[in-house]
Amino acid sequence: LHIQELEIQAQREQLAAERKQVEAQSDELRQQRRAELQLQELELQKQRKQLVVERQQLEADAAALQLQRPRDLEEFQLEEAKIQQLREQLAIEREQLKAEA
């Protein structure tokens, strides 16, 4: 009976030691996972900031294009008017040359 009690006690101690080892491994794995998640979170924050900067740049570029477009249109219309004026002048000069000839 005494031997059985000693064996049971030894088994309990072994199980307690194994449980402590499993708990320690579990804690270590949790800490590793927590550290990995923190790194991922930092990476995501960095990417978010980069996307915000890129979005702001795109918005600024779009605003600049919106400001540029009316000027480009105005310049185009002025060029069109000059071309039309030159065509009319050329037509008048042709008529004068025909009249002189």
PDB file of N, CA and C in Angstrom:
ATOM      1  N   LEU A   1       0.835  -1.200   0.000  1.00  0.00           N
ATOM      2  CA  LEU A   1       0.000   0.000   0.000  1.00  0.00           C
ATOM      3  C   LEU A   1       0.874   1.256   0.000  1.00  0.00           C
ATOM      4  N   HIS A   2       1.916   1.223   0.813  1.00  0.00           N
ATOM      5  CA  HIS A   2       2.823   2.367   0.887  1.00  0.00           C
ATOM      6  C   HIS A   2       3.506   2.612  -0.458  1.00  0.00           C
ATOM      7  N   ILE A   3       3.831   1.512  -1.148  1.00  0.00           N
ATOM      8  CA  ILE A   3       4.491   1.636  -2.455  1.00  0.00           C
ATOM      9  C   ILE A   3       3.532   2.261  -3.458  1.00  0.00           C
ATOM     10  N   GLN A   4       2.273   1.868  -3.418  1.00  0.00           N
ATOM     11  CA  GLN A   4       1.276   2.438  -4.328  1.00  0.00           C
ATOM     12  C   GLN A   4       1.098   3.933  -4.072  1.00  0.00           C
ATOM     13  N   GLU A   5       1.073   4.312  -2.797  1.00  0.00           N
ATOM     14  CA  GLU A   5       0.955   5.735  -2.477  1.00  0.00           C
ATOM     15  C   GLU A   5       2.146   6.520  -3.004  1.00  0.00           C
ATOM     16  N   LEU A   6       3.337   5.934  -2.874  1.00  0.00           N
ATOM     17  CA  LEU A   6       4.537   6.605  -3.403  1.00  0.00           C
ATOM     18  C   LEU A   6       4.471   6.724  -4.929  1.00  0.00           C
ATOM     19  N   GLU A   7       3.990   5.653  -5.592  1.00  0.00           N
ATOM     20  CA  GLU A   7       3.869   5.699  -7.050  1.00  0.00           C
ATOM     21  C   GLU A   7       2.843   6.764  -7.474  1.00  0.00           C
ATOM     22  N   ILE A   8       1.729   6.792  -6.757  1.00  0.00           N
ATOM     23  CA  ILE A   8       0.696   7.796  -7.061  1.00  0.00           C
ATOM     24  C   ILE A   8       1.256   9.199  -6.837  1.00  0.00           C
ATOM     25  N   GLN A   9       1.982   9.375  -5.749  1.00  0.00           N
ATOM     26  CA  GLN A   9       2.590  10.686  -5.460  1.00  0.00           C
ATOM     27  C   GLN A   9       3.580  11.060  -6.557  1.00  0.00           C
ATOM     28  N   ALA A  10       4.373  10.091  -7.002  1.00  0.00           N
ATOM     29  CA  ALA A  10       5.351  10.351  -8.066  1.00  0.00           C
ATOM     30  C   ALA A  10       4.624  10.729  -9.358  1.00  0.00           C
ATOM     31  N   GLN A  11       3.534  10.025  -9.667  1.00  0.00           N
ATOM     32  CA  GLN A  11       2.753  10.339 -10.863  1.00  0.00           C
ATOM     33  C   GLN A  11       2.152  11.750 -10.771  1.00  0.00           C
ATOM     34  N   ARG A  12       1.645  12.088  -9.578  1.00  0.00           N
ATOM     35  CA  ARG A  12       1.083  13.431  -9.382  1.00  0.00           C
ATOM     36  C   ARG A  12       2.142  14.500  -9.603  1.00  0.00           C
ATOM     37  N   GLU A  13       3.314  14.263  -9.054  1.00  0.00           N
ATOM     38  CA  GLU A  13       4.411  15.231  -9.211  1.00  0.00           C
ATOM     39  C   GLU A  13       4.824  15.346 -10.680  1.00  0.00           C
ATOM     40  N   GLN A  14       4.848  14.188 -11.354  1.00  0.00           N
ATOM     41  CA  GLN A  14       5.209  14.198 -12.779  1.00  0.00           C
ATOM     42  C   GLN A  14       4.148  14.952 -13.577  1.00  0.00           C
ATOM     43  N   LEU A  15       2.870  14.685 -13.285  1.00  0.00           N
ATOM     44  CA  LEU A  15       1.787  15.397 -13.976  1.00  0.00           C
ATOM     45  C   LEU A  15       1.833  16.894 -13.678  1.00  0.00           C
ATOM     46  N   ALA A  16       2.123  17.253 -12.430  1.00  0.00           N
ATOM     47  CA  ALA A  16       2.229  18.669 -12.067  1.00  0.00           C
ATOM     48  C   ALA A  16       3.377  19.323 -12.834  1.00  0.00           C
ATOM     49  N   ALA A  17       4.500  18.609 -12.944  1.00  0.00           N
ATOM     50  CA  ALA A  17       5.651  19.146 -13.678  1.00  0.00           C
ATOM     51  C   ALA A  17       5.309  19.296 -15.159  1.00  0.00           C
ATOM     52  N   GLU A  18       4.623  18.295 -15.714  1.00  0.00           N
ATOM     53  CA  GLU A  18       4.225  18.367 -17.123  1.00  0.00           C
ATOM     54  C   GLU A  18       3.236  19.513 -17.339  1.00  0.00           C
ATOM     55  N   ARG A  19       2.293  19.678 -16.410  1.00  0.00           N
ATOM     56  CA  ARG A  19       1.320  20.760 -16.516  1.00  0.00           C
ATOM     57  C   ARG A  19       2.026  22.114 -16.488  1.00  0.00           C
ATOM     58  N   LYS A  20       3.002  22.269 -15.577  1.00  0.00           N
ATOM     59  CA  LYS A  20       3.756  23.528 -15.517  1.00  0.00           C
ATOM     60  C   LYS A  20       4.502  23.777 -16.819  1.00  0.00           C
ATOM     61  N   GLN A  21       5.072  22.712 -17.390  1.00  0.00           N
ATOM     62  CA  GLN A  21       5.813  22.849 -18.642  1.00  0.00           C
ATOM     63  C   GLN A  21       4.859  23.256 -19.779  1.00  0.00           C
ATOM     64  N   VAL A  22       3.679  22.614 -19.826  1.00  0.00           N
ATOM     65  CA  VAL A  22       2.693  22.960 -20.856  1.00  0.00           C
ATOM     66  C   VAL A  22       2.215  24.398 -20.668  1.00  0.00           C
ATOM     67  N   GLU A  23       1.970  24.803 -19.429  1.00  0.00           N
ATOM     68  CA  GLU A  23       1.550  26.177 -19.171  1.00  0.00           C
ATOM     69  C   GLU A  23       2.627  27.170 -19.586  1.00  0.00           C
ATOM     70  N   ALA A  24       3.881  26.837 -19.294  1.00  0.00           N
ATOM     71  CA  ALA A  24       4.989  27.725 -19.677  1.00  0.00           C
ATOM     72  C   ALA A  24       5.073  27.829 -21.203  1.00  0.00           C
ATOM     73  N   GLN A  25       4.943  26.691 -21.885  1.00  0.00           N
ATOM     74  CA  GLN A  25       4.973  26.715 -23.355  1.00  0.00           C
ATOM     75  C   GLN A  25       3.785  27.515 -23.900  1.00  0.00           C
ATOM     76  N   SER A  26       2.631  27.331 -23.276  1.00  0.00           N
ATOM     77  CA  SER A  26       1.434  28.048 -23.706  1.00  0.00           C
ATOM     78  C   SER A  26       1.627  29.559 -23.516  1.00  0.00           C
ATOM     79  N   ASP A  27       2.171  29.948 -22.373  1.00  0.00           N
ATOM     80  CA  ASP A  27       2.447  31.371 -22.128  1.00  0.00           C
ATOM     81  C   ASP A  27       3.426  31.921 -23.155  1.00  0.00           C
ATOM     82  N   GLU A  28       4.456  31.143 -23.431  1.00  0.00           N
ATOM     83  CA  GLU A  28       5.462  31.583 -24.409  1.00  0.00           C
ATOM     84  C   GLU A  28       4.830  31.752 -25.789  1.00  0.00           C
ATOM     85  N   LEU A  29       3.993  30.792 -26.176  1.00  0.00           N
ATOM     86  CA  LEU A  29       3.319  30.898 -27.477  1.00  0.00           C
ATOM     87  C   LEU A  29       2.374  32.102 -27.508  1.00  0.00           C
ATOM     88  N   ARG A  30       1.673  32.353 -26.410  1.00  0.00           N
ATOM     89  CA  ARG A  30       0.793  33.520 -26.347  1.00  0.00           C
ATOM     90  C   ARG A  30       1.596  34.806 -26.495  1.00  0.00           C
ATOM     91  N   GLN A  31       2.733  34.871 -25.815  1.00  0.00           N
ATOM     92  CA  GLN A  31       3.573  36.073 -25.914  1.00  0.00           C
ATOM     93  C   GLN A  31       4.094  36.256 -27.338  1.00  0.00           C
ATOM     94  N   GLN A  32       4.514  35.148 -27.961  1.00  0.00           N
ATOM     95  CA  GLN A  32       4.989  35.242 -29.342  1.00  0.00           C
ATOM     96  C   GLN A  32       3.874  35.731 -30.259  1.00  0.00           C
ATOM     97  N   ARG A  33       2.687  35.158 -30.072  1.00  0.00           N
ATOM     98  CA  ARG A  33       1.551  35.546 -30.917  1.00  0.00           C
ATOM     99  C   ARG A  33       1.193  37.021 -30.691  1.00  0.00           C
ATOM    100  N   ARG A  34       1.220  37.442 -29.428  1.00  0.00           N
ATOM    101  CA  ARG A  34       0.931  38.841 -29.109  1.00  0.00           C
ATOM    102  C   ARG A  34       1.948  39.758 -29.795  1.00  0.00           C
ATOM    103  N   ALA A  35       3.219  39.376 -29.737  1.00  0.00           N
ATOM    104  CA  ALA A  35       4.267  40.179 -30.372  1.00  0.00           C
ATOM    105  C   ALA A  35       4.057  40.224 -31.892  1.00  0.00           C
ATOM    106  N   GLU A  36       3.700  39.075 -32.489  1.00  0.00           N
ATOM    107  CA  GLU A  36       3.441  39.044 -33.926  1.00  0.00           C
ATOM    108  C   GLU A  36       2.269  39.949 -34.283  1.00  0.00           C
ATOM    109  N   LEU A  37       1.212  39.890 -33.480  1.00  0.00           N
ATOM    110  CA  LEU A  37       0.039  40.732 -33.744  1.00  0.00           C
ATOM    111  C   LEU A  37       0.381  42.210 -33.596  1.00  0.00           C
ATOM    112  N   GLN A  38       1.213  42.543 -32.620  1.00  0.00           N
ATOM    113  CA  GLN A  38       1.618  43.942 -32.450  1.00  0.00           C
ATOM    114  C   GLN A  38       2.420  44.413 -33.658  1.00  0.00           C
ATOM    115  N   LEU A  39       3.316  43.553 -34.167  1.00  0.00           N
ATOM    116  CA  LEU A  39       4.081  43.914 -35.365  1.00  0.00           C
ATOM    117  C   LEU A  39       3.156  44.103 -36.559  1.00  0.00           C
ATOM    118  N   GLN A  40       2.191  43.198 -36.691  1.00  0.00           N
ATOM    119  CA  GLN A  40       1.243  43.328 -37.802  1.00  0.00           C
ATOM    120  C   GLN A  40       0.443  44.620 -37.669  1.00  0.00           C
ATOM    121  N   GLU A  41       0.031  44.937 -36.457  1.00  0.00           N
ATOM    122  CA  GLU A  41      -0.732  46.164 -36.223  1.00  0.00           C
ATOM    123  C   GLU A  41       0.108  47.398 -36.586  1.00  0.00           C
ATOM    124  N   LEU A  42       1.379  47.382 -36.194  1.00  0.00           N
ATOM    125  CA  LEU A  42       2.255  48.508 -36.540  1.00  0.00           C
ATOM    126  C   LEU A  42       2.414  48.628 -38.050  1.00  0.00           C
ATOM    127  N   GLU A  43       2.556  47.497 -38.719  1.00  0.00           N
ATOM    128  CA  GLU A  43       2.691  47.500 -40.173  1.00  0.00           C
ATOM    129  C   GLU A  43       1.412  48.045 -40.818  1.00  0.00           C
ATOM    130  N   LEU A  44       0.270  47.624 -40.296  1.00  0.00           N
ATOM    131  CA  LEU A  44      -1.002  48.123 -40.834  1.00  0.00           C
ATOM    132  C   LEU A  44      -1.153  49.624 -40.598  1.00  0.00           C
ATOM    133  N   GLN A  45      -0.740  50.098 -39.430  1.00  0.00           N
ATOM    134  CA  GLN A  45      -0.804  51.540 -39.158  1.00  0.00           C
ATOM    135  C   GLN A  45       0.081  52.303 -40.133  1.00  0.00           C
ATOM    136  N   LYS A  46       1.276  51.748 -40.377  1.00  0.00           N
ATOM    137  CA  LYS A  46       2.198  52.383 -41.318  1.00  0.00           C
ATOM    138  C   LYS A  46       1.572  52.435 -42.719  1.00  0.00           C
ATOM    139  N   GLN A  47       0.962  51.312 -43.136  1.00  0.00           N
ATOM    140  CA  GLN A  47       0.322  51.277 -44.449  1.00  0.00           C
ATOM    141  C   GLN A  47      -0.850  52.251 -44.510  1.00  0.00           C
ATOM    142  N   ARG A  48      -1.627  52.326 -43.422  1.00  0.00           N
ATOM    143  CA  ARG A  48      -2.751  53.268 -43.381  1.00  0.00           C
ATOM    144  C   ARG A  48      -2.265  54.693 -43.552  1.00  0.00           C
ATOM    145  N   LYS A  49      -1.204  55.044 -42.816  1.00  0.00           N
ATOM    146  CA  LYS A  49      -0.655  56.404 -42.921  1.00  0.00           C
ATOM    147  C   LYS A  49      -0.191  56.679 -44.347  1.00  0.00           C
ATOM    148  N   GLN A  50       0.463  55.688 -44.949  1.00  0.00           N
ATOM    149  CA  GLN A  50       0.954  55.850 -46.321  1.00  0.00           C
ATOM    150  C   GLN A  50      -0.222  56.041 -47.287  1.00  0.00           C
ATOM    151  N   LEU A  51      -1.285  55.272 -47.079  1.00  0.00           N
ATOM    152  CA  LEU A  51      -2.462  55.410 -47.941  1.00  0.00           C
ATOM    153  C   LEU A  51      -3.117  56.773 -47.754  1.00  0.00           C
ATOM    154  N   VAL A  52      -3.147  57.268 -46.522  1.00  0.00           N
ATOM    155  CA  VAL A  52      -3.716  58.598 -46.275  1.00  0.00           C
ATOM    156  C   VAL A  52      -2.901  59.650 -47.015  1.00  0.00           C
ATOM    157  N   VAL A  53      -1.576  59.533 -46.940  1.00  0.00           N
ATOM    158  CA  VAL A  53      -0.708  60.492 -47.629  1.00  0.00           C
ATOM    159  C   VAL A  53      -0.929  60.408 -49.144  1.00  0.00           C
ATOM    160  N   GLU A  54      -1.020  59.170 -49.664  1.00  0.00           N
ATOM    161  CA  GLU A  54      -1.238  59.004 -51.099  1.00  0.00           C
ATOM    162  C   GLU A  54      -2.591  59.580 -51.508  1.00  0.00           C
ATOM    163  N   ARG A  55      -3.635  59.338 -50.687  1.00  0.00           N
ATOM    164  CA  ARG A  55      -4.956  59.863 -51.001  1.00  0.00           C
ATOM    165  C   ARG A  55      -4.931  61.394 -51.008  1.00  0.00           C
ATOM    166  N   GLN A  56      -4.253  61.981 -50.011  1.00  0.00           N
ATOM    167  CA  GLN A  56      -4.165  63.440 -49.955  1.00  0.00           C
ATOM    168  C   GLN A  56      -3.441  63.988 -51.181  1.00  0.00           C
ATOM    169  N   GLN A  57      -2.396  63.280 -51.605  1.00  0.00           N
ATOM    170  CA  GLN A  57      -1.650  63.717 -52.793  1.00  0.00           C
ATOM    171  C   GLN A  57      -2.542  63.641 -54.034  1.00  0.00           C
ATOM    172  N   LEU A  58      -3.303  62.524 -54.137  1.00  0.00           N
ATOM    173  CA  LEU A  58      -4.206  62.388 -55.282  1.00  0.00           C
ATOM    174  C   LEU A  58      -5.286  63.469 -55.267  1.00  0.00           C
ATOM    175  N   GLU A  59      -5.800  63.775 -54.085  1.00  0.00           N
ATOM    176  CA  GLU A  59      -6.812  64.831 -53.985  1.00  0.00           C
ATOM    177  C   GLU A  59      -6.220  66.181 -54.373  1.00  0.00           C
ATOM    178  N   ALA A  60      -4.991  66.428 -53.944  1.00  0.00           N
ATOM    179  CA  ALA A  60      -4.331  67.687 -54.307  1.00  0.00           C
ATOM    180  C   ALA A  60      -4.096  67.752 -55.817  1.00  0.00           C
ATOM    181  N   ASP A  61      -3.662  66.621 -56.395  1.00  0.00           N
ATOM    182  CA  ASP A  61      -3.448  66.575 -57.847  1.00  0.00           C
ATOM    183  C   ASP A  61      -4.761  66.813 -58.590  1.00  0.00           C
ATOM    184  N   ALA A  62      -5.829  66.191 -58.100  1.00  0.00           N
ATOM    185  CA  ALA A  62      -7.135  66.370 -58.750  1.00  0.00           C
ATOM    186  C   ALA A  62      -7.587  67.824 -58.661  1.00  0.00           C
ATOM    187  N   ALA A  63      -7.373  68.437 -57.503  1.00  0.00           N
ATOM    188  CA  ALA A  63      -7.756  69.846 -57.343  1.00  0.00           C
ATOM    189  C   ALA A  63      -6.941  70.726 -58.292  1.00  0.00           C
ATOM    190  N   ALA A  64      -5.650  70.424 -58.409  1.00  0.00           N
ATOM    191  CA  ALA A  64      -4.797  71.210 -59.317  1.00  0.00           C
ATOM    192  C   ALA A  64      -5.272  71.047 -60.761  1.00  0.00           C
ATOM    193  N   LEU A  65      -5.679  69.830 -61.116  1.00  0.00           N
ATOM    194  CA  LEU A  65      -6.177  69.612 -62.476  1.00  0.00           C
ATOM    195  C   LEU A  65      -7.486  70.358 -62.705  1.00  0.00           C
ATOM    196  N   GLN A  66      -8.332  70.377 -61.693  1.00  0.00           N
ATOM    197  CA  GLN A  66      -9.593  71.113 -61.820  1.00  0.00           C
ATOM    198  C   GLN A  66      -9.316  72.598 -62.036  1.00  0.00           C
ATOM    199  N   LEU A  67      -8.286  73.116 -61.359  1.00  0.00           N
ATOM    200  CA  LEU A  67      -7.932  74.530 -61.544  1.00  0.00           C
ATOM    201  C   LEU A  67      -7.305  74.759 -62.915  1.00  0.00           C
ATOM    202  N   GLN A  68      -6.537  73.782 -63.381  1.00  0.00           N
ATOM    203  CA  GLN A  68      -5.830  73.923 -64.655  1.00  0.00           C
ATOM    204  C   GLN A  68      -6.793  73.814 -65.841  1.00  0.00           C
ATOM    205  N   ARG A  69      -7.794  72.971 -65.730  1.00  0.00           N
ATOM    206  CA  ARG A  69      -8.690  72.701 -66.863  1.00  0.00           C
ATOM    207  C   ARG A  69      -9.335  73.974 -67.432  1.00  0.00           C
ATOM    208  N   PRO A  70      -9.910  74.842 -66.611  1.00  0.00           N
ATOM    209  CA  PRO A  70     -10.506  76.062 -67.203  1.00  0.00           C
ATOM    210  C   PRO A  70      -9.474  76.921 -67.936  1.00  0.00           C
ATOM    211  N   ARG A  71      -8.260  77.001 -67.383  1.00  0.00           N
ATOM    212  CA  ARG A  71      -7.221  77.783 -68.064  1.00  0.00           C
ATOM    213  C   ARG A  71      -6.888  77.159 -69.407  1.00  0.00           C
ATOM    214  N   ASP A  72      -6.755  75.815 -69.422  1.00  0.00           N
ATOM    215  CA  ASP A  72      -6.452  75.143 -70.683  1.00  0.00           C
ATOM    216  C   ASP A  72      -7.573  75.379 -71.699  1.00  0.00           C
ATOM    217  N   LEU A  73      -8.805  75.301 -71.218  1.00  0.00           N
ATOM    218  CA  LEU A  73      -9.952  75.523 -72.106  1.00  0.00           C
ATOM    219  C   LEU A  73      -9.945  76.952 -72.631  1.00  0.00           C
ATOM    220  N   GLU A  74      -9.663  77.890 -71.751  1.00  0.00           N
ATOM    221  CA  GLU A  74      -9.627  79.304 -72.152  1.00  0.00           C
ATOM    222  C   GLU A  74      -8.533  79.529 -73.191  1.00  0.00           C
ATOM    223  N   GLU A  75      -7.344  78.961 -72.949  1.00  0.00           N
ATOM    224  CA  GLU A  75      -6.244  79.102 -73.911  1.00  0.00           C
ATOM    225  C   GLU A  75      -6.614  78.464 -75.245  1.00  0.00           C
ATOM    226  N   PHE A  76      -7.262  77.302 -75.192  1.00  0.00           N
ATOM    227  CA  PHE A  76      -7.678  76.631 -76.417  1.00  0.00           C
ATOM    228  C   PHE A  76      -8.670  77.499 -77.194  1.00  0.00           C
ATOM    229  N   GLN A  77      -9.632  78.077 -76.489  1.00  0.00           N
ATOM    230  CA  GLN A  77     -10.622  78.926 -77.145  1.00  0.00           C
ATOM    231  C   GLN A  77      -9.965  80.163 -77.760  1.00  0.00           C
ATOM    232  N   LEU A  78      -8.974  80.721 -77.054  1.00  0.00           N
ATOM    233  CA  LEU A  78      -8.246  81.874 -77.619  1.00  0.00           C
ATOM    234  C   LEU A  78      -7.503  81.469 -78.885  1.00  0.00           C
ATOM    235  N   GLU A  79      -6.866  80.317 -78.860  1.00  0.00           N
ATOM    236  CA  GLU A  79      -6.148  79.838 -80.054  1.00  0.00           C
ATOM    237  C   GLU A  79      -7.128  79.606 -81.206  1.00  0.00           C
ATOM    238  N   GLU A  80      -8.277  79.015 -80.887  1.00  0.00           N
ATOM    239  CA  GLU A  80      -9.307  78.795 -81.910  1.00  0.00           C
ATOM    240  C   GLU A  80      -9.746  80.128 -82.527  1.00  0.00           C
ATOM    241  N   ALA A  81      -9.946  81.131 -81.689  1.00  0.00           N
ATOM    242  CA  ALA A  81     -10.367  82.447 -82.176  1.00  0.00           C
ATOM    243  C   ALA A  81      -9.288  83.054 -83.073  1.00  0.00           C
ATOM    244  N   LYS A  82      -8.008  82.899 -82.673  1.00  0.00           N
ATOM    245  CA  LYS A  82      -6.904  83.429 -83.494  1.00  0.00           C
ATOM    246  C   LYS A  82      -6.870  82.729 -84.854  1.00  0.00           C
ATOM    247  N   ILE A  83      -7.056  81.403 -84.827  1.00  0.00           N
ATOM    248  CA  ILE A  83      -7.034  80.634 -86.079  1.00  0.00           C
ATOM    249  C   ILE A  83      -8.186  81.076 -86.981  1.00  0.00           C
ATOM    250  N   GLN A  84      -9.352  81.241 -86.385  1.00  0.00           N
ATOM    251  CA  GLN A  84     -10.516  81.689 -87.164  1.00  0.00           C
ATOM    252  C   GLN A  84     -10.266  83.075 -87.764  1.00  0.00           C
ATOM    253  N   GLN A  85      -9.660  83.959 -86.967  1.00  0.00           N
ATOM    254  CA  GLN A  85      -9.349  85.314 -87.439  1.00  0.00           C
ATOM    255  C   GLN A  85      -8.358  85.238 -88.599  1.00  0.00           C
ATOM    256  N   LEU A  86      -7.338  84.375 -88.476  1.00  0.00           N
ATOM    257  CA  LEU A  86      -6.356  84.225 -89.555  1.00  0.00           C
ATOM    258  C   LEU A  86      -7.005  83.661 -90.819  1.00  0.00           C
ATOM    259  N   ARG A  87      -7.944  82.715 -90.661  1.00  0.00           N
ATOM    260  CA  ARG A  87      -8.658  82.159 -91.826  1.00  0.00           C
ATOM    261  C   ARG A  87      -9.439  83.258 -92.550  1.00  0.00           C
ATOM    262  N   GLU A  88     -10.129  84.063 -91.738  1.00  0.00           N
ATOM    263  CA  GLU A  88     -10.921  85.149 -92.335  1.00  0.00           C
ATOM    264  C   GLU A  88     -10.015  86.146 -93.058  1.00  0.00           C
ATOM    265  N   GLN A  89      -8.867  86.457 -92.425  1.00  0.00           N
ATOM    266  CA  GLN A  89      -7.912  87.392 -93.032  1.00  0.00           C
ATOM    267  C   GLN A  89      -7.366  86.798 -94.327  1.00  0.00           C
ATOM    268  N   LEU A  90      -7.066  85.497 -94.304  1.00  0.00           N
ATOM    269  CA  LEU A  90      -6.551  84.828 -95.495  1.00  0.00           C
ATOM    270  C   LEU A  90      -7.598  84.849 -96.607  1.00  0.00           C
ATOM    271  N   ALA A  91      -8.857  84.616 -96.240  1.00  0.00           N
ATOM    272  CA  ALA A  91      -9.925  84.637 -97.246  1.00  0.00           C
ATOM    273  C   ALA A  91     -10.044  86.031 -97.866  1.00  0.00           C
ATOM    274  N   ILE A  92      -9.940  87.076 -97.032  1.00  0.00           N
ATOM    275  CA  ILE A  92     -10.011  88.451 -97.535  1.00  0.00           C
ATOM    276  C   ILE A  92      -8.844  88.715 -98.483  1.00  0.00           C
ATOM    277  N   GLU A  93      -7.640  88.276 -98.112  1.00  0.00           N
ATOM    278  CA  GLU A  93      -6.470  88.499 -98.958  1.00  0.00           C
ATOM    279  C   GLU A  93      -6.610  87.749-100.277  1.00  0.00           C
ATOM    280  N   ARG A  94      -7.161  86.554-100.239  1.00  0.00           N
ATOM    281  CA  ARG A  94      -7.380  85.793-101.501  1.00  0.00           C
ATOM    282  C   ARG A  94      -8.339  86.554-102.422  1.00  0.00           C
ATOM    283  N   GLU A  95      -9.403  87.075-101.810  1.00  0.00           N
ATOM    284  CA  GLU A  95     -10.367  87.832-102.592  1.00  0.00           C
ATOM    285  C   GLU A  95      -9.714  89.066-103.230  1.00  0.00           C
ATOM    286  N   GLN A  96      -8.837  89.723-102.449  1.00  0.00           N
ATOM    287  CA  GLN A  96      -8.143  90.916-102.966  1.00  0.00           C
ATOM    288  C   GLN A  96      -7.215  90.528-104.100  1.00  0.00           C
ATOM    289  N   LEU A  97      -6.529  89.369-103.956  1.00  0.00           N
ATOM    290  CA  LEU A  97      -5.629  88.937-105.027  1.00  0.00           C
ATOM    291  C   LEU A  97      -6.420  88.570-106.284  1.00  0.00           C
ATOM    292  N   LYS A  98      -7.582  87.950-106.090  1.00  0.00           N
ATOM    293  CA  LYS A  98      -8.414  87.606-107.238  1.00  0.00           C
ATOM    294  C   LYS A  98      -8.894  88.879-107.932  1.00  0.00           C
ATOM    295  N   ALA A  99      -9.234  89.860-107.131  1.00  0.00           N
ATOM    296  CA  ALA A  99      -9.724  91.119-107.682  1.00  0.00           C
ATOM    297  C   ALA A  99      -8.622  91.837-108.436  1.00  0.00           C
ATOM    298  N   GLU A 100      -7.406  91.735-107.949  1.00  0.00           N
ATOM    299  CA  GLU A 100      -6.285  92.404-108.591  1.00  0.00           C
ATOM    300  C   GLU A 100      -5.874  91.677-109.867  1.00  0.00           C
ATOM    301  N   ALA A 101      -6.098  90.378-109.902  1.00  0.00           N
ATOM    302  CA  ALA A 101      -5.644  89.583-111.048  1.00  0.00           C
ATOM    303  C   ALA A 101      -6.532  89.656-112.235  1.00  0.00           C
TER     304      ALA A 101
END
